[in-house]
């Protein structure tokens, strides 16, 4: 601004003293103080306007609200997984006292209520964003409503998992951790990584990097986890067998029944085990964990359709080849 002011002062002074003009701006100091006053007025006006908050687009608000909710869900998922791992460790340490049911129930209650309150504020935001002028074509309201519904279902599955944890005994928690792929370190890392990718892409509106479905990675981890125990232990399609890890095989279905959990002290599916309440809780937790992975994949697909995805065809080809090899191994087993 100082350089421009000097140029204007010299220029107007020369023009007014050498050329015939209808409007004389003056020369020297007259031009300089006027220009300096205009500059100060501009700076002051700009400073005052900068104090006012910039209005955020209603569409951006919807995206950021959903991204914040998913971020909180990822933190809650981490805490729930830590709860099961802690319960399994406490079972291995007889000197440690497990948490009582009420203490477990109140552990995540506040966080669930906070998440529900956040999600309840999103539908009005979606309704308002519909009336905002669109410069890039129609706004996909239906996709955001579908995304909202999937997030609510994911939160419901996590509430079911939390409720199972509050009632599950230590032996059954240890069996769930040891005999299923949901608590494999690689799968937990995959789940948190995918949730992080979804959150950042949704918040920033950027394309998602290429990634594989979470359920597919769960199947891979399950096959690798049970590879040594299942290999050679399969019988006929209608015969029940127990492998070295205590996992029951019915046809080609893996049923993880704990050998030393609850009231069942045997590696067999007997009437006493079926009557045990812990078996239903164990099954509920397993279904909730699988439902969480399935819902995360659905959320991933919706967000991918909203913000786009970086193409990586070679990754898809490799994934299909790996799935084919796994299927062939399962058929031969």
C-alpha atoms as a PDB file:
ATOM      1  CA  UNK A   1       0.000   0.000   0.000  1.00  0.00           C
ATOM      2  CA  UNK A   2       2.879   2.412   0.729  1.00  0.00           C
ATOM      3  CA  UNK A   3       4.385   1.838  -2.716  1.00  0.00           C
ATOM      4  CA  UNK A   4       1.011   2.309  -4.420  1.00  0.00           C
ATOM      5  CA  UNK A   5       0.401   5.495  -2.435  1.00  0.00           C
ATOM      6  CA  UNK A   6       3.780   6.914  -3.531  1.00  0.00           C
ATOM      7  CA  UNK A   7       3.087   6.066  -7.168  1.00  0.00           C
ATOM      8  CA  UNK A   8      -0.391   7.643  -7.033  1.00  0.00           C
ATOM      9  CA  UNK A   9       0.958  10.798  -5.350  1.00  0.00           C
ATOM     10  CA  UNK A  10       3.722  11.315  -7.914  1.00  0.00           C
ATOM     11  CA  UNK A  11       1.517  10.361 -10.839  1.00  0.00           C
ATOM     12  CA  UNK A  12      -1.417  12.633  -9.969  1.00  0.00           C
ATOM     13  CA  UNK A  13       0.962  15.488  -9.132  1.00  0.00           C
ATOM     14  CA  UNK A  14       2.650  15.204 -12.544  1.00  0.00           C
ATOM     15  CA  UNK A  15      -0.653  14.902 -14.416  1.00  0.00           C
ATOM     16  CA  UNK A  16      -2.188  17.918 -12.676  1.00  0.00           C
ATOM     17  CA  UNK A  17       0.885  20.108 -13.317  1.00  0.00           C
ATOM     18  CA  UNK A  18       1.633  19.080 -16.921  1.00  0.00           C
ATOM     19  CA  UNK A  19      -1.710  18.186 -18.510  1.00  0.00           C
ATOM     20  CA  UNK A  20      -4.953  20.044 -18.882  1.00  0.00           C
ATOM     21  CA  UNK A  21      -7.662  18.126 -16.982  1.00  0.00           C
ATOM     22  CA  UNK A  22     -11.196  18.954 -15.978  1.00  0.00           C
ATOM     23  CA  UNK A  23     -10.844  17.627 -12.405  1.00  0.00           C
ATOM     24  CA  UNK A  24      -7.670  18.693 -10.635  1.00  0.00           C
ATOM     25  CA  UNK A  25      -6.660  16.312  -7.838  1.00  0.00           C
ATOM     26  CA  UNK A  26      -4.008  18.632  -6.514  1.00  0.00           C
ATOM     27  CA  UNK A  27      -0.377  17.868  -6.038  1.00  0.00           C
ATOM     28  CA  UNK A  28       2.078  16.767  -3.421  1.00  0.00           C
ATOM     29  CA  UNK A  29       0.664  16.716   0.083  1.00  0.00           C
ATOM     30  CA  UNK A  30      -2.956  17.165  -1.061  1.00  0.00           C
ATOM     31  CA  UNK A  31      -2.895  13.903  -3.021  1.00  0.00           C
ATOM     32  CA  UNK A  32      -0.864  12.041  -0.365  1.00  0.00           C
ATOM     33  CA  UNK A  33      -3.177  12.682   2.604  1.00  0.00           C
ATOM     34  CA  UNK A  34      -6.282  11.829   0.601  1.00  0.00           C
ATOM     35  CA  UNK A  35      -4.776   8.573  -0.556  1.00  0.00           C
ATOM     36  CA  UNK A  36      -3.561   7.736   2.964  1.00  0.00           C
ATOM     37  CA  UNK A  37      -7.023   8.444   4.372  1.00  0.00           C
ATOM     38  CA  UNK A  38      -8.669   6.127   1.829  1.00  0.00           C
ATOM     39  CA  UNK A  39      -6.167   3.374   2.675  1.00  0.00           C
ATOM     40  CA  UNK A  40      -6.860   3.710   6.413  1.00  0.00           C
ATOM     41  CA  UNK A  41     -10.603   3.622   5.776  1.00  0.00           C
ATOM     42  CA  UNK A  42     -10.184   0.429   3.741  1.00  0.00           C
ATOM     43  CA  UNK A  43      -8.057  -1.229   6.414  1.00  0.00           C
ATOM     44  CA  UNK A  44     -10.569  -0.315   9.105  1.00  0.00           C
ATOM     45  CA  UNK A  45     -13.519  -1.620   7.103  1.00  0.00           C
ATOM     46  CA  UNK A  46     -11.696  -4.874   6.347  1.00  0.00           C
ATOM     47  CA  UNK A  47     -10.785  -5.343  10.019  1.00  0.00           C
ATOM     48  CA  UNK A  48     -14.392  -4.785  11.126  1.00  0.00           C
ATOM     49  CA  UNK A  49     -15.747  -7.248   8.550  1.00  0.00           C
ATOM     50  CA  UNK A  50     -13.159  -9.868   9.560  1.00  0.00           C
ATOM     51  CA  UNK A  51     -14.573  -9.815  13.092  1.00  0.00           C
ATOM     52  CA  UNK A  52     -17.895 -11.179  11.848  1.00  0.00           C
ATOM     53  CA  UNK A  53     -18.009 -15.018  11.646  1.00  0.00           C
ATOM     54  CA  UNK A  54     -18.155 -16.413   8.164  1.00  0.00           C
ATOM     55  CA  UNK A  55     -21.466 -18.207   7.599  1.00  0.00           C
ATOM     56  CA  UNK A  56     -20.963 -21.916   6.938  1.00  0.00           C
ATOM     57  CA  UNK A  57     -22.883 -23.721   4.257  1.00  0.00           C
ATOM     58  CA  UNK A  58     -25.692 -25.908   5.565  1.00  0.00           C
ATOM     59  CA  UNK A  59     -24.420 -28.757   3.389  1.00  0.00           C
ATOM     60  CA  UNK A  60     -20.954 -28.514   4.888  1.00  0.00           C
ATOM     61  CA  UNK A  61     -22.552 -28.495   8.338  1.00  0.00           C
ATOM     62  CA  UNK A  62     -24.319 -31.784   7.574  1.00  0.00           C
ATOM     63  CA  UNK A  63     -21.099 -33.411   6.393  1.00  0.00           C
ATOM     64  CA  UNK A  64     -19.108 -32.235   9.393  1.00  0.00           C
ATOM     65  CA  UNK A  65     -21.829 -33.247  11.851  1.00  0.00           C
ATOM     66  CA  UNK A  66     -21.929 -36.789  10.469  1.00  0.00           C
ATOM     67  CA  UNK A  67     -18.124 -36.943  10.408  1.00  0.00           C
ATOM     68  CA  UNK A  68     -17.988 -35.854  14.054  1.00  0.00           C
ATOM     69  CA  UNK A  69     -20.517 -38.546  14.970  1.00  0.00           C
ATOM     70  CA  UNK A  70     -18.458 -41.211  13.192  1.00  0.00           C
ATOM     71  CA  UNK A  71     -15.334 -39.993  14.952  1.00  0.00           C
ATOM     72  CA  UNK A  72     -17.053 -40.378  18.322  1.00  0.00           C
ATOM     73  CA  UNK A  73     -18.304 -43.838  17.325  1.00  0.00           C
ATOM     74  CA  UNK A  74     -14.724 -44.870  16.493  1.00  0.00           C
ATOM     75  CA  UNK A  75     -13.621 -43.788  19.966  1.00  0.00           C
ATOM     76  CA  UNK A  76     -16.515 -45.698  21.524  1.00  0.00           C
ATOM     77  CA  UNK A  77     -15.640 -48.805  19.501  1.00  0.00           C
ATOM     78  CA  UNK A  78     -12.085 -48.598  20.835  1.00  0.00           C
ATOM     79  CA  UNK A  79     -13.330 -48.396  24.404  1.00  0.00           C
ATOM     80  CA  UNK A  80     -15.661 -51.366  23.976  1.00  0.00           C
ATOM     81  CA  UNK A  81     -12.927 -53.529  22.477  1.00  0.00           C
ATOM     82  CA  UNK A  82     -10.653 -52.543  25.354  1.00  0.00           C
ATOM     83  CA  UNK A  83     -13.418 -53.593  27.761  1.00  0.00           C
ATOM     84  CA  UNK A  84     -13.562 -57.129  26.354  1.00  0.00           C
ATOM     85  CA  UNK A  85      -9.775 -57.417  26.319  1.00  0.00           C
ATOM     86  CA  UNK A  86      -9.606 -56.215  29.922  1.00  0.00           C
ATOM     87  CA  UNK A  87     -12.271 -58.720  30.992  1.00  0.00           C
ATOM     88  CA  UNK A  88     -10.330 -61.545  29.327  1.00  0.00           C
ATOM     89  CA  UNK A  89      -7.160 -60.513  31.166  1.00  0.00           C
ATOM     90  CA  UNK A  90      -8.980 -60.277  34.486  1.00  0.00           C
ATOM     91  CA  UNK A  91     -10.223 -63.835  34.006  1.00  0.00           C
ATOM     92  CA  UNK A  92      -6.613 -64.984  33.663  1.00  0.00           C
ATOM     93  CA  UNK A  93      -5.681 -63.161  36.886  1.00  0.00           C
ATOM     94  CA  UNK A  94      -7.654 -64.717  39.782  1.00  0.00           C
ATOM     95  CA  UNK A  95      -6.523 -61.986  42.178  1.00  0.00           C
ATOM     96  CA  UNK A  96      -8.244 -59.268  40.138  1.00  0.00           C
ATOM     97  CA  UNK A  97     -11.867 -58.428  40.905  1.00  0.00           C
ATOM     98  CA  UNK A  98     -14.076 -57.985  37.805  1.00  0.00           C
ATOM     99  CA  UNK A  99     -16.287 -54.934  37.430  1.00  0.00           C
ATOM    100  CA  UNK A 100     -19.873 -55.316  38.609  1.00  0.00           C
ATOM    101  CA  UNK A 101     -22.803 -55.049  36.215  1.00  0.00           C
ATOM    102  CA  UNK A 102     -23.907 -51.576  37.323  1.00  0.00           C
ATOM    103  CA  UNK A 103     -20.428 -50.132  36.986  1.00  0.00           C
ATOM    104  CA  UNK A 104     -20.152 -51.585  33.503  1.00  0.00           C
ATOM    105  CA  UNK A 105     -23.575 -50.269  32.487  1.00  0.00           C
ATOM    106  CA  UNK A 106     -22.771 -46.709  33.574  1.00  0.00           C
ATOM    107  CA  UNK A 107     -19.373 -46.742  31.907  1.00  0.00           C
ATOM    108  CA  UNK A 108     -20.642 -45.900  28.400  1.00  0.00           C
ATOM    109  CA  UNK A 109     -24.145 -44.647  29.153  1.00  0.00           C
ATOM    110  CA  UNK A 110     -23.178 -40.962  29.049  1.00  0.00           C
ATOM    111  CA  UNK A 111     -21.291 -41.355  25.779  1.00  0.00           C
ATOM    112  CA  UNK A 112     -24.205 -43.162  24.129  1.00  0.00           C
ATOM    113  CA  UNK A 113     -26.627 -40.449  25.231  1.00  0.00           C
ATOM    114  CA  UNK A 114     -24.290 -37.755  23.915  1.00  0.00           C
ATOM    115  CA  UNK A 115     -24.038 -39.484  20.546  1.00  0.00           C
ATOM    116  CA  UNK A 116     -27.799 -39.882  20.315  1.00  0.00           C
ATOM    117  CA  UNK A 117     -28.225 -36.158  21.018  1.00  0.00           C
ATOM    118  CA  UNK A 118     -25.748 -35.285  18.262  1.00  0.00           C
ATOM    119  CA  UNK A 119     -27.506 -37.503  15.744  1.00  0.00           C
ATOM    120  CA  UNK A 120     -30.918 -36.068  16.614  1.00  0.00           C
ATOM    121  CA  UNK A 121     -29.685 -32.644  15.492  1.00  0.00           C
ATOM    122  CA  UNK A 122     -28.741 -33.876  12.011  1.00  0.00           C
ATOM    123  CA  UNK A 123     -32.212 -34.432  10.389  1.00  0.00           C
ATOM    124  CA  UNK A 124     -33.198 -30.730  10.740  1.00  0.00           C
ATOM    125  CA  UNK A 125     -29.849 -29.792   9.214  1.00  0.00           C
ATOM    126  CA  UNK A 126     -30.515 -32.080   6.256  1.00  0.00           C
ATOM    127  CA  UNK A 127     -33.952 -30.530   5.796  1.00  0.00           C
ATOM    128  CA  UNK A 128     -32.488 -27.000   5.818  1.00  0.00           C
ATOM    129  CA  UNK A 129     -29.648 -27.900   3.448  1.00  0.00           C
ATOM    130  CA  UNK A 130     -32.179 -28.952   0.824  1.00  0.00           C
ATOM    131  CA  UNK A 131     -33.279 -25.323   0.354  1.00  0.00           C
ATOM    132  CA  UNK A 132     -29.746 -23.959  -0.010  1.00  0.00           C
ATOM    133  CA  UNK A 133     -28.921 -22.920  -3.612  1.00  0.00           C
ATOM    134  CA  UNK A 134     -26.824 -25.564  -5.371  1.00  0.00           C
ATOM    135  CA  UNK A 135     -24.099 -24.526  -7.815  1.00  0.00           C
ATOM    136  CA  UNK A 136     -22.898 -28.060  -8.638  1.00  0.00           C
ATOM    137  CA  UNK A 137     -26.145 -29.789  -9.390  1.00  0.00           C
ATOM    138  CA  UNK A 138     -28.846 -31.204  -7.113  1.00  0.00           C
ATOM    139  CA  UNK A 139     -27.787 -32.039  -3.576  1.00  0.00           C
ATOM    140  CA  UNK A 140     -28.098 -35.810  -2.833  1.00  0.00           C
ATOM    141  CA  UNK A 141     -30.450 -35.535   0.147  1.00  0.00           C
ATOM    142  CA  UNK A 142     -31.496 -39.190  -0.096  1.00  0.00           C
ATOM    143  CA  UNK A 143     -27.895 -40.393   0.255  1.00  0.00           C
ATOM    144  CA  UNK A 144     -27.334 -38.287   3.351  1.00  0.00           C
ATOM    145  CA  UNK A 145     -30.557 -39.613   4.848  1.00  0.00           C
ATOM    146  CA  UNK A 146     -29.398 -43.172   4.076  1.00  0.00           C
ATOM    147  CA  UNK A 147     -26.019 -42.387   5.645  1.00  0.00           C
ATOM    148  CA  UNK A 148     -27.763 -41.041   8.727  1.00  0.00           C
ATOM    149  CA  UNK A 149     -29.852 -44.225   8.989  1.00  0.00           C
ATOM    150  CA  UNK A 150     -26.779 -46.476   8.684  1.00  0.00           C
ATOM    151  CA  UNK A 151     -24.958 -44.517  11.392  1.00  0.00           C
ATOM    152  CA  UNK A 152     -27.953 -44.927  13.706  1.00  0.00           C
ATOM    153  CA  UNK A 153     -27.983 -48.668  13.018  1.00  0.00           C
ATOM    154  CA  UNK A 154     -24.238 -48.820  13.705  1.00  0.00           C
ATOM    155  CA  UNK A 155     -24.780 -47.056  17.015  1.00  0.00           C
ATOM    156  CA  UNK A 156     -27.551 -49.548  17.847  1.00  0.00           C
ATOM    157  CA  UNK A 157     -25.210 -52.476  17.158  1.00  0.00           C
ATOM    158  CA  UNK A 158     -22.583 -50.920  19.407  1.00  0.00           C
ATOM    159  CA  UNK A 159     -25.181 -50.467  22.147  1.00  0.00           C
ATOM    160  CA  UNK A 160     -26.041 -54.160  21.800  1.00  0.00           C
ATOM    161  CA  UNK A 161     -22.350 -55.035  22.094  1.00  0.00           C
ATOM    162  CA  UNK A 162     -21.987 -52.843  25.172  1.00  0.00           C
ATOM    163  CA  UNK A 163     -25.006 -54.484  26.779  1.00  0.00           C
ATOM    164  CA  UNK A 164     -23.518 -57.927  26.098  1.00  0.00           C
ATOM    165  CA  UNK A 165     -20.269 -56.887  27.734  1.00  0.00           C
ATOM    166  CA  UNK A 166     -22.055 -55.785  30.891  1.00  0.00           C
ATOM    167  CA  UNK A 167     -23.495 -59.304  31.398  1.00  0.00           C
ATOM    168  CA  UNK A 168     -20.728 -61.527  30.038  1.00  0.00           C
ATOM    169  CA  UNK A 169     -18.589 -63.535  32.442  1.00  0.00           C
ATOM    170  CA  UNK A 170     -14.835 -63.549  32.235  1.00  0.00           C
ATOM    171  CA  UNK A 171     -14.444 -67.037  30.785  1.00  0.00           C
ATOM    172  CA  UNK A 172     -16.833 -66.351  27.949  1.00  0.00           C
ATOM    173  CA  UNK A 173     -15.196 -62.979  27.273  1.00  0.00           C
ATOM    174  CA  UNK A 174     -11.847 -64.727  27.021  1.00  0.00           C
ATOM    175  CA  UNK A 175     -13.359 -67.279  24.620  1.00  0.00           C
ATOM    176  CA  UNK A 176     -14.796 -64.484  22.479  1.00  0.00           C
ATOM    177  CA  UNK A 177     -11.408 -62.781  22.339  1.00  0.00           C
ATOM    178  CA  UNK A 178      -9.415 -65.944  21.668  1.00  0.00           C
ATOM    179  CA  UNK A 179     -11.708 -67.891  19.335  1.00  0.00           C
ATOM    180  CA  UNK A 180     -13.028 -65.190  16.999  1.00  0.00           C
ATOM    181  CA  UNK A 181     -11.331 -62.905  14.483  1.00  0.00           C
ATOM    182  CA  UNK A 182     -13.057 -59.767  15.766  1.00  0.00           C
ATOM    183  CA  UNK A 183     -10.259 -59.198  18.278  1.00  0.00           C
ATOM    184  CA  UNK A 184      -7.378 -59.929  15.952  1.00  0.00           C
ATOM    185  CA  UNK A 185      -4.977 -56.957  16.157  1.00  0.00           C
ATOM    186  CA  UNK A 186      -4.904 -56.620  12.373  1.00  0.00           C
ATOM    187  CA  UNK A 187      -8.687 -56.577  12.123  1.00  0.00           C
ATOM    188  CA  UNK A 188      -9.044 -54.002  14.910  1.00  0.00           C
ATOM    189  CA  UNK A 189      -6.473 -51.827  13.135  1.00  0.00           C
ATOM    190  CA  UNK A 190      -8.330 -52.282   9.822  1.00  0.00           C
ATOM    191  CA  UNK A 191     -11.617 -51.226  11.421  1.00  0.00           C
ATOM    192  CA  UNK A 192     -10.177 -48.098  13.018  1.00  0.00           C
ATOM    193  CA  UNK A 193      -8.287 -47.199   9.829  1.00  0.00           C
ATOM    194  CA  UNK A 194     -11.419 -47.482   7.698  1.00  0.00           C
ATOM    195  CA  UNK A 195     -13.427 -45.382  10.148  1.00  0.00           C
ATOM    196  CA  UNK A 196     -10.681 -42.760  10.091  1.00  0.00           C
ATOM    197  CA  UNK A 197     -10.647 -42.696   6.281  1.00  0.00           C
ATOM    198  CA  UNK A 198     -14.426 -42.311   6.184  1.00  0.00           C
ATOM    199  CA  UNK A 199     -14.358 -39.521   8.773  1.00  0.00           C
ATOM    200  CA  UNK A 200     -11.641 -37.464   7.084  1.00  0.00           C
ATOM    201  CA  UNK A 201     -13.060 -37.887   3.581  1.00  0.00           C
ATOM    202  CA  UNK A 202     -16.539 -36.914   4.741  1.00  0.00           C
ATOM    203  CA  UNK A 203     -15.322 -33.920   6.761  1.00  0.00           C
ATOM    204  CA  UNK A 204     -13.054 -32.539   4.011  1.00  0.00           C
ATOM    205  CA  UNK A 205     -15.129 -33.636   1.021  1.00  0.00           C
ATOM    206  CA  UNK A 206     -12.142 -35.395  -0.576  1.00  0.00           C
ATOM    207  CA  UNK A 207     -11.977 -38.612  -2.547  1.00  0.00           C
ATOM    208  CA  UNK A 208     -11.427 -41.751  -0.532  1.00  0.00           C
ATOM    209  CA  UNK A 209      -8.341 -43.843  -1.198  1.00  0.00           C
ATOM    210  CA  UNK A 210      -8.879 -47.354  -2.497  1.00  0.00           C
ATOM    211  CA  UNK A 211      -9.705 -49.865   0.237  1.00  0.00           C
ATOM    212  CA  UNK A 212     -11.242 -53.303   0.694  1.00  0.00           C
ATOM    213  CA  UNK A 213     -14.552 -54.094   2.411  1.00  0.00           C
ATOM    214  CA  UNK A 214     -14.232 -54.749   6.114  1.00  0.00           C
ATOM    215  CA  UNK A 215     -16.275 -57.974   5.946  1.00  0.00           C
ATOM    216  CA  UNK A 216     -13.869 -59.338   3.351  1.00  0.00           C
ATOM    217  CA  UNK A 217     -10.926 -58.618   5.624  1.00  0.00           C
ATOM    218  CA  UNK A 218     -12.816 -60.243   8.507  1.00  0.00           C
ATOM    219  CA  UNK A 219     -13.257 -63.406   6.439  1.00  0.00           C
ATOM    220  CA  UNK A 220      -9.541 -63.411   5.628  1.00  0.00           C
ATOM    221  CA  UNK A 221      -8.581 -63.054   9.278  1.00  0.00           C
ATOM    222  CA  UNK A 222     -11.049 -65.813  10.248  1.00  0.00           C
ATOM    223  CA  UNK A 223      -9.614 -68.247   7.714  1.00  0.00           C
ATOM    224  CA  UNK A 224      -6.069 -67.531   8.803  1.00  0.00           C
ATOM    225  CA  UNK A 225      -6.988 -67.800  12.480  1.00  0.00           C
ATOM    226  CA  UNK A 226      -8.652 -71.191  12.124  1.00  0.00           C
ATOM    227  CA  UNK A 227      -6.345 -72.549   9.404  1.00  0.00           C
ATOM    228  CA  UNK A 228      -4.285 -74.864  11.593  1.00  0.00           C
ATOM    229  CA  UNK A 229      -7.146 -75.935  13.837  1.00  0.00           C
ATOM    230  CA  UNK A 230      -9.601 -76.644  11.032  1.00  0.00           C
ATOM    231  CA  UNK A 231      -7.247 -78.298   8.591  1.00  0.00           C
ATOM    232  CA  UNK A 232      -7.693 -82.021   8.843  1.00  0.00           C
ATOM    233  CA  UNK A 233     -10.525 -81.821  11.373  1.00  0.00           C
ATOM    234  CA  UNK A 234     -13.470 -81.558   8.982  1.00  0.00           C
ATOM    235  CA  UNK A 235     -15.769 -84.527   8.831  1.00  0.00           C
ATOM    236  CA  UNK A 236     -18.844 -85.144   6.755  1.00  0.00           C
ATOM    237  CA  UNK A 237     -21.320 -82.378   6.027  1.00  0.00           C
ATOM    238  CA  UNK A 238     -23.663 -83.530   8.829  1.00  0.00           C
ATOM    239  CA  UNK A 239     -21.105 -84.534  11.437  1.00  0.00           C
ATOM    240  CA  UNK A 240     -20.118 -82.300  14.352  1.00  0.00           C
ATOM    241  CA  UNK A 241     -16.402 -82.169  15.112  1.00  0.00           C
ATOM    242  CA  UNK A 242     -14.199 -80.199  17.466  1.00  0.00           C
ATOM    243  CA  UNK A 243     -10.764 -78.961  16.403  1.00  0.00           C
ATOM    244  CA  UNK A 244      -7.759 -78.366  18.612  1.00  0.00           C
ATOM    245  CA  UNK A 245      -8.847 -74.794  19.364  1.00  0.00           C
ATOM    246  CA  UNK A 246     -12.266 -75.898  20.628  1.00  0.00           C
ATOM    247  CA  UNK A 247     -14.067 -74.597  17.543  1.00  0.00           C
ATOM    248  CA  UNK A 248     -17.015 -76.662  16.339  1.00  0.00           C
ATOM    249  CA  UNK A 249     -17.409 -77.372  12.642  1.00  0.00           C
ATOM    250  CA  UNK A 250     -20.896 -77.996  11.277  1.00  0.00           C
ATOM    251  CA  UNK A 251     -20.530 -78.438   7.541  1.00  0.00           C
ATOM    252  CA  UNK A 252     -18.468 -75.395   6.566  1.00  0.00           C
ATOM    253  CA  UNK A 253     -19.681 -73.186   9.447  1.00  0.00           C
ATOM    254  CA  UNK A 254     -17.381 -72.277  12.312  1.00  0.00           C
ATOM    255  CA  UNK A 255     -19.026 -72.120  15.761  1.00  0.00           C
ATOM    256  CA  UNK A 256     -16.663 -70.968  18.486  1.00  0.00           C
ATOM    257  CA  UNK A 257     -17.755 -72.624  21.750  1.00  0.00           C
ATOM    258  CA  UNK A 258     -15.449 -71.942  24.710  1.00  0.00           C
ATOM    259  CA  UNK A 259     -13.968 -74.992  26.376  1.00  0.00           C
ATOM    260  CA  UNK A 260     -13.478 -73.395  29.790  1.00  0.00           C
ATOM    261  CA  UNK A 261     -16.143 -70.721  29.928  1.00  0.00           C
ATOM    262  CA  UNK A 262     -19.101 -70.285  32.234  1.00  0.00           C
ATOM    263  CA  UNK A 263     -20.685 -73.525  33.382  1.00  0.00           C
ATOM    264  CA  UNK A 264     -19.460 -75.494  30.375  1.00  0.00           C
ATOM    265  CA  UNK A 265     -16.132 -77.187  31.055  1.00  0.00           C
ATOM    266  CA  UNK A 266     -16.083 -79.343  27.954  1.00  0.00           C
ATOM    267  CA  UNK A 267     -15.304 -78.696  24.323  1.00  0.00           C
ATOM    268  CA  UNK A 268     -18.640 -80.169  23.235  1.00  0.00           C
ATOM    269  CA  UNK A 269     -21.959 -78.552  22.447  1.00  0.00           C
ATOM    270  CA  UNK A 270     -24.160 -80.235  25.048  1.00  0.00           C
ATOM    271  CA  UNK A 271     -27.530 -79.580  26.657  1.00  0.00           C
ATOM    272  CA  UNK A 272     -25.970 -77.854  29.635  1.00  0.00           C
ATOM    273  CA  UNK A 273     -24.154 -75.408  27.371  1.00  0.00           C
ATOM    274  CA  UNK A 274     -27.315 -74.680  25.386  1.00  0.00           C
ATOM    275  CA  UNK A 275     -29.180 -73.862  28.610  1.00  0.00           C
ATOM    276  CA  UNK A 276     -26.451 -71.516  29.824  1.00  0.00           C
ATOM    277  CA  UNK A 277     -27.444 -67.838  29.604  1.00  0.00           C
ATOM    278  CA  UNK A 278     -23.856 -66.966  28.758  1.00  0.00           C
ATOM    279  CA  UNK A 279     -24.127 -68.794  25.437  1.00  0.00           C
ATOM    280  CA  UNK A 280     -26.898 -66.415  24.323  1.00  0.00           C
ATOM    281  CA  UNK A 281     -24.853 -63.427  25.497  1.00  0.00           C
ATOM    282  CA  UNK A 282     -21.809 -64.798  23.672  1.00  0.00           C
ATOM    283  CA  UNK A 283     -23.840 -65.234  20.487  1.00  0.00           C
ATOM    284  CA  UNK A 284     -25.339 -61.742  20.836  1.00  0.00           C
ATOM    285  CA  UNK A 285     -21.876 -60.199  21.147  1.00  0.00           C
ATOM    286  CA  UNK A 286     -20.664 -62.121  18.094  1.00  0.00           C
ATOM    287  CA  UNK A 287     -23.662 -61.004  16.034  1.00  0.00           C
ATOM    288  CA  UNK A 288     -23.214 -57.401  17.202  1.00  0.00           C
ATOM    289  CA  UNK A 289     -19.544 -57.415  16.195  1.00  0.00           C
ATOM    290  CA  UNK A 290     -20.368 -58.832  12.771  1.00  0.00           C
ATOM    291  CA  UNK A 291     -23.198 -56.318  12.384  1.00  0.00           C
ATOM    292  CA  UNK A 292     -20.773 -53.488  13.226  1.00  0.00           C
ATOM    293  CA  UNK A 293     -18.424 -54.583  10.441  1.00  0.00           C
ATOM    294  CA  UNK A 294     -21.328 -54.885   7.993  1.00  0.00           C
ATOM    295  CA  UNK A 295     -22.682 -51.424   8.833  1.00  0.00           C
ATOM    296  CA  UNK A 296     -19.251 -49.834   8.524  1.00  0.00           C
ATOM    297  CA  UNK A 297     -19.031 -51.293   5.012  1.00  0.00           C
ATOM    298  CA  UNK A 298     -22.434 -49.831   4.144  1.00  0.00           C
ATOM    299  CA  UNK A 299     -21.356 -46.422   5.464  1.00  0.00           C
ATOM    300  CA  UNK A 300     -18.154 -46.743   3.467  1.00  0.00           C
ATOM    301  CA  UNK A 301     -20.093 -47.398   0.259  1.00  0.00           C
ATOM    302  CA  UNK A 302     -22.397 -44.405   0.791  1.00  0.00           C
ATOM    303  CA  UNK A 303     -19.551 -42.010   1.593  1.00  0.00           C
ATOM    304  CA  UNK A 304     -17.637 -43.337  -1.405  1.00  0.00           C
ATOM    305  CA  UNK A 305     -20.598 -42.510  -3.641  1.00  0.00           C
ATOM    306  CA  UNK A 306     -20.787 -39.005  -2.140  1.00  0.00           C
ATOM    307  CA  UNK A 307     -17.154 -37.899  -2.291  1.00  0.00           C
ATOM    308  CA  UNK A 308     -15.748 -40.325  -4.866  1.00  0.00           C
ATOM    309  CA  UNK A 309     -12.929 -42.845  -4.693  1.00  0.00           C
ATOM    310  CA  UNK A 310      -9.468 -43.042  -6.206  1.00  0.00           C
ATOM    311  CA  UNK A 311      -9.443 -45.823  -8.777  1.00  0.00           C
ATOM    312  CA  UNK A 312      -7.088 -48.750  -8.169  1.00  0.00           C
ATOM    313  CA  UNK A 313      -8.169 -51.583 -10.461  1.00  0.00           C
ATOM    314  CA  UNK A 314      -5.147 -53.731  -9.647  1.00  0.00           C
ATOM    315  CA  UNK A 315      -6.190 -53.885  -5.998  1.00  0.00           C
ATOM    316  CA  UNK A 316      -9.635 -55.208  -6.934  1.00  0.00           C
ATOM    317  CA  UNK A 317      -8.072 -57.873  -9.173  1.00  0.00           C
ATOM    318  CA  UNK A 318      -5.741 -58.980  -6.392  1.00  0.00           C
ATOM    319  CA  UNK A 319      -8.653 -59.113  -3.960  1.00  0.00           C
ATOM    320  CA  UNK A 320     -10.668 -61.369  -6.281  1.00  0.00           C
ATOM    321  CA  UNK A 321      -7.692 -63.679  -6.797  1.00  0.00           C
ATOM    322  CA  UNK A 322      -7.149 -63.933  -3.043  1.00  0.00           C
ATOM    323  CA  UNK A 323     -10.833 -64.687  -2.426  1.00  0.00           C
ATOM    324  CA  UNK A 324     -10.734 -67.403  -5.098  1.00  0.00           C
ATOM    325  CA  UNK A 325      -7.712 -69.062  -3.479  1.00  0.00           C
ATOM    326  CA  UNK A 326      -9.352 -68.957  -0.056  1.00  0.00           C
ATOM    327  CA  UNK A 327     -12.550 -70.510  -1.444  1.00  0.00           C
ATOM    328  CA  UNK A 328     -10.556 -73.287  -3.128  1.00  0.00           C
ATOM    329  CA  UNK A 329      -8.686 -73.994   0.110  1.00  0.00           C
ATOM    330  CA  UNK A 330     -11.977 -74.164   2.036  1.00  0.00           C
ATOM    331  CA  UNK A 331     -13.432 -76.609  -0.506  1.00  0.00           C
ATOM    332  CA  UNK A 332     -10.379 -78.861  -0.295  1.00  0.00           C
ATOM    333  CA  UNK A 333     -10.377 -78.750   3.498  1.00  0.00           C
END
